[in-house]
Every structure is written in structure tokens, then in C-alpha cells.
Amino acid sequence: MSTNAVRVSCRRRADASLPPSPAVSLSRDRLLALQKTHRQADAARVLGISLTAIKNACRKLGLGSWPYSRVSAPAE
């Protein structure tokens, strides 16, 4: 059974004086769109969640591994 959306809650911060981060709701379509335009670490940063959280969300939604992207060296 595959779900269409996953809710990712951020961990509590060590510094209790800071407000907690809001939970992020991720849909399968949103993650597929991010896979086309961002590297996995950049997508996690854009969403405001950790890399581990985005990997777990992909697994729960039944998505395969994030596409590999190679950064090409600048032409001289």
C-alpha cells in the first residue's frame, strides 16, 4: 500500500529558547518535481528538513533512490 503524502516532524532543538520548527507535509508529486531540479541535499535544505528525513519520506512514498547528478567541471 502506497500513501500519497507523508508528514515529517522536526526534532526538538537542544536550545529550548528557540521556537520549534513546523512539520512539513511532503507529497509524492512534490518530491518527484524536486528530483528533477535539485540534488538530494539541496532539496532537503529547500524543504527545511534533514537529508535523513527526506530519504525516509521517499522510502515511505515508495520512490526509488534519488537520481545521481554529476557536476561537470568548468570548461577552460
PDB file of N, CA and C in Angstrom:
ATOM      1  N   MET A   1       0.840  -1.175   0.000  1.00  0.00           N
ATOM      2  CA  MET A   1       0.000   0.000   0.000  1.00  0.00           C
ATOM      3  C   MET A   1       0.884   1.237   0.000  1.00  0.00           C
ATOM      4  N   SER A   2       0.667   2.123  -0.917  1.00  0.00           N
ATOM      5  CA  SER A   2       1.449   3.339  -1.040  1.00  0.00           C
ATOM      6  C   SER A   2       0.588   4.540  -0.669  1.00  0.00           C
ATOM      7  N   THR A   3       1.151   5.445   0.121  1.00  0.00           N
ATOM      8  CA  THR A   3       0.425   6.645   0.505  1.00  0.00           C
ATOM      9  C   THR A   3       0.774   7.783  -0.446  1.00  0.00           C
ATOM     10  N   ASN A   4      -0.010   8.836  -0.427  1.00  0.00           N
ATOM     11  CA  ASN A   4       0.241   9.966  -1.312  1.00  0.00           C
ATOM     12  C   ASN A   4       0.987  11.097  -0.636  1.00  0.00           C
ATOM     13  N   ALA A   5       1.002  11.130   0.693  1.00  0.00           N
ATOM     14  CA  ALA A   5       1.686  12.201   1.409  1.00  0.00           C
ATOM     15  C   ALA A   5       2.249  11.684   2.729  1.00  0.00           C
ATOM     16  N   VAL A   6       3.322  12.308   3.162  1.00  0.00           N
ATOM     17  CA  VAL A   6       3.980  11.953   4.417  1.00  0.00           C
ATOM     18  C   VAL A   6       4.217  13.243   5.188  1.00  0.00           C
ATOM     19  N   ARG A   7       4.001  13.206   6.484  1.00  0.00           N
ATOM     20  CA  ARG A   7       4.247  14.367   7.346  1.00  0.00           C
ATOM     21  C   ARG A   7       5.559  14.136   8.085  1.00  0.00           C
ATOM     22  N   VAL A   8       6.486  15.078   7.937  1.00  0.00           N
ATOM     23  CA  VAL A   8       7.795  14.985   8.569  1.00  0.00           C
ATOM     24  C   VAL A   8       7.849  16.003   9.699  1.00  0.00           C
ATOM     25  N   SER A   9       8.038  15.503  10.914  1.00  0.00           N
ATOM     26  CA  SER A   9       8.173  16.382  12.081  1.00  0.00           C
ATOM     27  C   SER A   9       9.641  16.561  12.397  1.00  0.00           C
ATOM     28  N   CYS A  10      10.020  17.779  12.684  1.00  0.00           N
ATOM     29  CA  CYS A  10      11.406  18.065  13.020  1.00  0.00           C
ATOM     30  C   CYS A  10      11.664  17.692  14.476  1.00  0.00           C
ATOM     31  N   ARG A  11      12.908  17.329  14.760  1.00  0.00           N
ATOM     32  CA  ARG A  11      13.275  17.010  16.130  1.00  0.00           C
ATOM     33  C   ARG A  11      13.288  18.262  16.983  1.00  0.00           C
ATOM     34  N   ARG A  12      13.112  18.063  18.287  1.00  0.00           N
ATOM     35  CA  ARG A  12      13.189  19.191  19.204  1.00  0.00           C
ATOM     36  C   ARG A  12      14.613  19.721  19.210  1.00  0.00           C
ATOM     37  N   ARG A  13      14.739  21.022  19.308  1.00  0.00           N
ATOM     38  CA  ARG A  13      16.053  21.646  19.334  1.00  0.00           C
ATOM     39  C   ARG A  13      16.646  21.558  20.729  1.00  0.00           C
ATOM     40  N   ALA A  14      17.965  21.488  20.800  1.00  0.00           N
ATOM     41  CA  ALA A  14      18.653  21.428  22.087  1.00  0.00           C
ATOM     42  C   ALA A  14      18.461  22.735  22.858  1.00  0.00           C
ATOM     43  N   ASP A  15      18.400  23.840  22.140  1.00  0.00           N
ATOM     44  CA  ASP A  15      18.199  25.135  22.766  1.00  0.00           C
ATOM     45  C   ASP A  15      16.696  25.378  22.905  1.00  0.00           C
ATOM     46  N   ALA A  16      16.190  25.245  24.120  1.00  0.00           N
ATOM     47  CA  ALA A  16      14.751  25.346  24.362  1.00  0.00           C
ATOM     48  C   ALA A  16      14.216  26.757  24.141  1.00  0.00           C
ATOM     49  N   SER A  17      15.094  27.745  24.079  1.00  0.00           N
ATOM     50  CA  SER A  17      14.615  29.113  23.879  1.00  0.00           C
ATOM     51  C   SER A  17      14.188  29.376  22.433  1.00  0.00           C
ATOM     52  N   LEU A  18      14.636  28.527  21.498  1.00  0.00           N
ATOM     53  CA  LEU A  18      14.247  28.689  20.094  1.00  0.00           C
ATOM     54  C   LEU A  18      12.896  28.034  19.849  1.00  0.00           C
ATOM     55  N   PRO A  19      12.069  28.622  19.000  1.00  0.00           N
ATOM     56  CA  PRO A  19      10.764  28.016  18.712  1.00  0.00           C
ATOM     57  C   PRO A  19      10.939  26.725  17.899  1.00  0.00           C
ATOM     58  N   PRO A  20      10.032  25.770  18.072  1.00  0.00           N
ATOM     59  CA  PRO A  20      10.142  24.527  17.306  1.00  0.00           C
ATOM     60  C   PRO A  20       9.872  24.760  15.824  1.00  0.00           C
ATOM     61  N   SER A  21      10.520  23.987  14.982  1.00  0.00           N
ATOM     62  CA  SER A  21      10.293  24.083  13.535  1.00  0.00           C
ATOM     63  C   SER A  21       8.955  23.442  13.199  1.00  0.00           C
ATOM     64  N   PRO A  22       8.230  24.002  12.243  1.00  0.00           N
ATOM     65  CA  PRO A  22       6.943  23.410  11.875  1.00  0.00           C
ATOM     66  C   PRO A  22       7.132  22.089  11.120  1.00  0.00           C
ATOM     67  N   ALA A  23       6.130  21.225  11.219  1.00  0.00           N
ATOM     68  CA  ALA A  23       6.163  19.963  10.490  1.00  0.00           C
ATOM     69  C   ALA A  23       5.979  20.249   8.998  1.00  0.00           C
ATOM     70  N   VAL A  24       6.550  19.396   8.164  1.00  0.00           N
ATOM     71  CA  VAL A  24       6.485  19.562   6.718  1.00  0.00           C
ATOM     72  C   VAL A  24       5.691  18.401   6.134  1.00  0.00           C
ATOM     73  N   SER A  25       4.717  18.698   5.288  1.00  0.00           N
ATOM     74  CA  SER A  25       3.948  17.675   4.602  1.00  0.00           C
ATOM     75  C   SER A  25       4.507  17.521   3.188  1.00  0.00           C
ATOM     76  N   LEU A  26       4.924  16.305   2.859  1.00  0.00           N
ATOM     77  CA  LEU A  26       5.529  16.040   1.553  1.00  0.00           C
ATOM     78  C   LEU A  26       4.646  15.109   0.741  1.00  0.00           C
ATOM     79  N   SER A  27       4.316  15.529  -0.456  1.00  0.00           N
ATOM     80  CA  SER A  27       3.549  14.663  -1.349  1.00  0.00           C
ATOM     81  C   SER A  27       4.495  13.989  -2.334  1.00  0.00           C
ATOM     82  N   ARG A  28       4.024  12.923  -2.903  1.00  0.00           N
ATOM     83  CA  ARG A  28       4.807  12.184  -3.901  1.00  0.00           C
ATOM     84  C   ARG A  28       5.139  13.088  -5.097  1.00  0.00           C
ATOM     85  N   ASP A  29       4.148  13.883  -5.536  1.00  0.00           N
ATOM     86  CA  ASP A  29       4.356  14.773  -6.681  1.00  0.00           C
ATOM     87  C   ASP A  29       5.406  15.841  -6.394  1.00  0.00           C
ATOM     88  N   ARG A  30       5.380  16.369  -5.174  1.00  0.00           N
ATOM     89  CA  ARG A  30       6.351  17.410  -4.810  1.00  0.00           C
ATOM     90  C   ARG A  30       7.775  16.854  -4.812  1.00  0.00           C
ATOM     91  N   LEU A  31       7.945  15.640  -4.280  1.00  0.00           N
ATOM     92  CA  LEU A  31       9.276  15.039  -4.266  1.00  0.00           C
ATOM     93  C   LEU A  31       9.744  14.688  -5.673  1.00  0.00           C
ATOM     94  N   LEU A  32       8.836  14.223  -6.520  1.00  0.00           N
ATOM     95  CA  LEU A  32       9.215  13.915  -7.904  1.00  0.00           C
ATOM     96  C   LEU A  32       9.654  15.180  -8.641  1.00  0.00           C
ATOM     97  N   ALA A  33       8.967  16.296  -8.374  1.00  0.00           N
ATOM     98  CA  ALA A  33       9.355  17.563  -9.008  1.00  0.00           C
ATOM     99  C   ALA A  33      10.732  18.012  -8.511  1.00  0.00           C
ATOM    100  N   LEU A  34      10.986  17.848  -7.221  1.00  0.00           N
ATOM    101  CA  LEU A  34      12.288  18.233  -6.664  1.00  0.00           C
ATOM    102  C   LEU A  34      13.412  17.353  -7.203  1.00  0.00           C
ATOM    103  N   GLN A  35      13.101  16.086  -7.477  1.00  0.00           N
ATOM    104  CA  GLN A  35      14.126  15.180  -8.019  1.00  0.00           C
ATOM    105  C   GLN A  35      14.630  15.664  -9.374  1.00  0.00           C
ATOM    106  N   LYS A  36      13.776  16.323 -10.124  1.00  0.00           N
ATOM    107  CA  LYS A  36      14.162  16.786 -11.459  1.00  0.00           C
ATOM    108  C   LYS A  36      15.012  18.045 -11.428  1.00  0.00           C
ATOM    109  N   THR A  37      14.890  18.831 -10.348  1.00  0.00           N
ATOM    110  CA  THR A  37      15.545  20.130 -10.341  1.00  0.00           C
ATOM    111  C   THR A  37      16.635  20.304  -9.285  1.00  0.00           C
ATOM    112  N   HIS A  38      16.674  19.440  -8.279  1.00  0.00           N
ATOM    113  CA  HIS A  38      17.623  19.626  -7.183  1.00  0.00           C
ATOM    114  C   HIS A  38      18.374  18.336  -6.867  1.00  0.00           C
ATOM    115  N   ARG A  39      19.568  18.510  -6.340  1.00  0.00           N
ATOM    116  CA  ARG A  39      20.270  17.378  -5.751  1.00  0.00           C
ATOM    117  C   ARG A  39      19.572  17.075  -4.432  1.00  0.00           C
ATOM    118  N   GLN A  40      19.769  15.884  -3.892  1.00  0.00           N
ATOM    119  CA  GLN A  40      19.034  15.470  -2.700  1.00  0.00           C
ATOM    120  C   GLN A  40      19.325  16.366  -1.493  1.00  0.00           C
ATOM    121  N   ALA A  41      20.575  16.690  -1.261  1.00  0.00           N
ATOM    122  CA  ALA A  41      20.926  17.549  -0.123  1.00  0.00           C
ATOM    123  C   ALA A  41      20.342  18.952  -0.293  1.00  0.00           C
ATOM    124  N   ASP A  42      20.330  19.461  -1.524  1.00  0.00           N
ATOM    125  CA  ASP A  42      19.761  20.787  -1.785  1.00  0.00           C
ATOM    126  C   ASP A  42      18.241  20.783  -1.590  1.00  0.00           C
ATOM    127  N   ALA A  43      17.590  19.706  -1.990  1.00  0.00           N
ATOM    128  CA  ALA A  43      16.142  19.593  -1.810  1.00  0.00           C
ATOM    129  C   ALA A  43      15.788  19.561  -0.328  1.00  0.00           C
ATOM    130  N   ALA A  44      16.579  18.852   0.466  1.00  0.00           N
ATOM    131  CA  ALA A  44      16.344  18.812   1.910  1.00  0.00           C
ATOM    132  C   ALA A  44      16.500  20.203   2.510  1.00  0.00           C
ATOM    133  N   ARG A  45      17.500  20.937   2.049  1.00  0.00           N
ATOM    134  CA  ARG A  45      17.727  22.298   2.552  1.00  0.00           C
ATOM    135  C   ARG A  45      16.564  23.216   2.171  1.00  0.00           C
ATOM    136  N   VAL A  46      16.064  23.086   0.948  1.00  0.00           N
ATOM    137  CA  VAL A  46      14.934  23.906   0.488  1.00  0.00           C
ATOM    138  C   VAL A  46      13.688  23.620   1.340  1.00  0.00           C
ATOM    139  N   LEU A  47      13.477  22.349   1.667  1.00  0.00           N
ATOM    140  CA  LEU A  47      12.305  21.970   2.457  1.00  0.00           C
ATOM    141  C   LEU A  47      12.478  22.252   3.945  1.00  0.00           C
ATOM    142  N   GLY A  48      13.713  22.475   4.379  1.00  0.00           N
ATOM    143  CA  GLY A  48      13.970  22.739   5.787  1.00  0.00           C
ATOM    144  C   GLY A  48      13.992  21.495   6.652  1.00  0.00           C
ATOM    145  N   ILE A  49      14.353  20.353   6.046  1.00  0.00           N
ATOM    146  CA  ILE A  49      14.441  19.098   6.794  1.00  0.00           C
ATOM    147  C   ILE A  49      15.814  18.485   6.561  1.00  0.00           C
ATOM    148  N   SER A  50      16.125  17.456   7.327  1.00  0.00           N
ATOM    149  CA  SER A  50      17.433  16.813   7.190  1.00  0.00           C
ATOM    150  C   SER A  50      17.455  15.872   5.989  1.00  0.00           C
ATOM    151  N   LEU A  51      18.645  15.515   5.587  1.00  0.00           N
ATOM    152  CA  LEU A  51      18.818  14.580   4.479  1.00  0.00           C
ATOM    153  C   LEU A  51      18.218  13.218   4.835  1.00  0.00           C
ATOM    154  N   THR A  52      18.406  12.790   6.070  1.00  0.00           N
ATOM    155  CA  THR A  52      17.838  11.516   6.518  1.00  0.00           C
ATOM    156  C   THR A  52      16.318  11.551   6.453  1.00  0.00           C
ATOM    157  N   ALA A  53      15.714  12.671   6.825  1.00  0.00           N
ATOM    158  CA  ALA A  53      14.254  12.787   6.795  1.00  0.00           C
ATOM    159  C   ALA A  53      13.715  12.696   5.369  1.00  0.00           C
ATOM    160  N   ILE A  54      14.413  13.310   4.422  1.00  0.00           N
ATOM    161  CA  ILE A  54      13.942  13.247   3.032  1.00  0.00           C
ATOM    162  C   ILE A  54      14.103  11.829   2.475  1.00  0.00           C
ATOM    163  N   LYS A  55      15.158  11.134   2.875  1.00  0.00           N
ATOM    164  CA  LYS A  55      15.341   9.746   2.438  1.00  0.00           C
ATOM    165  C   LYS A  55      14.239   8.851   2.995  1.00  0.00           C
ATOM    166  N   ASN A  56      13.899   9.035   4.272  1.00  0.00           N
ATOM    167  CA  ASN A  56      12.829   8.241   4.885  1.00  0.00           C
ATOM    168  C   ASN A  56      11.482   8.542   4.233  1.00  0.00           C
ATOM    169  N   ALA A  57      11.225   9.798   3.906  1.00  0.00           N
ATOM    170  CA  ALA A  57       9.971  10.162   3.241  1.00  0.00           C
ATOM    171  C   ALA A  57       9.881   9.491   1.872  1.00  0.00           C
ATOM    172  N   CYS A  58      10.986   9.464   1.134  1.00  0.00           N
ATOM    173  CA  CYS A  58      10.993   8.810  -0.178  1.00  0.00           C
ATOM    174  C   CYS A  58      10.687   7.327  -0.046  1.00  0.00           C
ATOM    175  N   ARG A  59      11.265   6.687   0.957  1.00  0.00           N
ATOM    176  CA  ARG A  59      11.002   5.256   1.169  1.00  0.00           C
ATOM    177  C   ARG A  59       9.528   5.019   1.501  1.00  0.00           C
ATOM    178  N   LYS A  60       8.962   5.854   2.374  1.00  0.00           N
ATOM    179  CA  LYS A  60       7.560   5.692   2.764  1.00  0.00           C
ATOM    180  C   LYS A  60       6.613   5.904   1.597  1.00  0.00           C
ATOM    181  N   LEU A  61       6.990   6.775   0.666  1.00  0.00           N
ATOM    182  CA  LEU A  61       6.150   7.053  -0.502  1.00  0.00           C
ATOM    183  C   LEU A  61       6.406   6.090  -1.653  1.00  0.00           C
ATOM    184  N   GLY A  62       7.347   5.172  -1.475  1.00  0.00           N
ATOM    185  CA  GLY A  62       7.618   4.173  -2.497  1.00  0.00           C
ATOM    186  C   GLY A  62       8.448   4.679  -3.661  1.00  0.00           C
ATOM    187  N   LEU A  63       9.178   5.778  -3.447  1.00  0.00           N
ATOM    188  CA  LEU A  63      10.039   6.310  -4.503  1.00  0.00           C
ATOM    189  C   LEU A  63      11.384   5.596  -4.472  1.00  0.00           C
ATOM    190  N   GLY A  64      11.972   5.448  -5.624  1.00  0.00           N
ATOM    191  CA  GLY A  64      13.291   4.838  -5.709  1.00  0.00           C
ATOM    192  C   GLY A  64      14.355   5.792  -5.213  1.00  0.00           C
ATOM    193  N   SER A  65      15.575   5.441  -5.444  1.00  0.00           N
ATOM    194  CA  SER A  65      16.664   6.302  -4.997  1.00  0.00           C
ATOM    195  C   SER A  65      16.682   7.598  -5.808  1.00  0.00           C
ATOM    196  N   TRP A  66      17.251   8.627  -5.213  1.00  0.00           N
ATOM    197  CA  TRP A  66      17.336   9.935  -5.846  1.00  0.00           C
ATOM    198  C   TRP A  66      18.254   9.820  -7.058  1.00  0.00           C
ATOM    199  N   PRO A  67      17.920  10.419  -8.182  1.00  0.00           N
ATOM    200  CA  PRO A  67      18.774  10.322  -9.366  1.00  0.00           C
ATOM    201  C   PRO A  67      20.166  10.885  -9.111  1.00  0.00           C
ATOM    202  N   TYR A  68      21.146  10.217  -9.627  1.00  0.00           N
ATOM    203  CA  TYR A  68      22.529  10.650  -9.479  1.00  0.00           C
ATOM    204  C   TYR A  68      22.768  11.853 -10.367  1.00  0.00           C
ATOM    205  N   SER A  69      23.430  12.861  -9.850  1.00  0.00           N
ATOM    206  CA  SER A  69      23.776  14.011 -10.683  1.00  0.00           C
ATOM    207  C   SER A  69      25.268  14.266 -10.592  1.00  0.00           C
ATOM    208  N   ARG A  70      25.870  14.435 -11.707  1.00  0.00           N
ATOM    209  CA  ARG A  70      27.302  14.690 -11.764  1.00  0.00           C
ATOM    210  C   ARG A  70      27.506  16.166 -12.068  1.00  0.00           C
ATOM    211  N   VAL A  71      28.335  16.797 -11.280  1.00  0.00           N
ATOM    212  CA  VAL A  71      28.645  18.197 -11.503  1.00  0.00           C
ATOM    213  C   VAL A  71      29.823  18.240 -12.451  1.00  0.00           C
ATOM    214  N   SER A  72      29.616  18.852 -13.593  1.00  0.00           N
ATOM    215  CA  SER A  72      30.690  18.900 -14.580  1.00  0.00           C
ATOM    216  C   SER A  72      31.668  20.011 -14.250  1.00  0.00           C
ATOM    217  N   ALA A  73      32.928  19.780 -14.580  1.00  0.00           N
ATOM    218  CA  ALA A  73      33.962  20.775 -14.337  1.00  0.00           C
ATOM    219  C   ALA A  73      33.824  21.909 -15.350  1.00  0.00           C
ATOM    220  N   PRO A  74      34.111  23.131 -14.948  1.00  0.00           N
ATOM    221  CA  PRO A  74      34.001  24.241 -15.896  1.00  0.00           C
ATOM    222  C   PRO A  74      35.017  24.093 -17.040  1.00  0.00           C
ATOM    223  N   ALA A  75      34.592  24.461 -18.219  1.00  0.00           N
ATOM    224  CA  ALA A  75      35.471  24.366 -19.394  1.00  0.00           C
ATOM    225  C   ALA A  75      36.547  25.441 -19.319  1.00  0.00           C
ATOM    226  N   GLU A  76      37.737  25.068 -19.690  1.00  0.00           N
ATOM    227  CA  GLU A  76      38.853  26.031 -19.644  1.00  0.00           C
ATOM    228  C   GLU A  76      39.050  26.702 -20.972  1.00  0.00           C
TER     229      GLU A  76
END
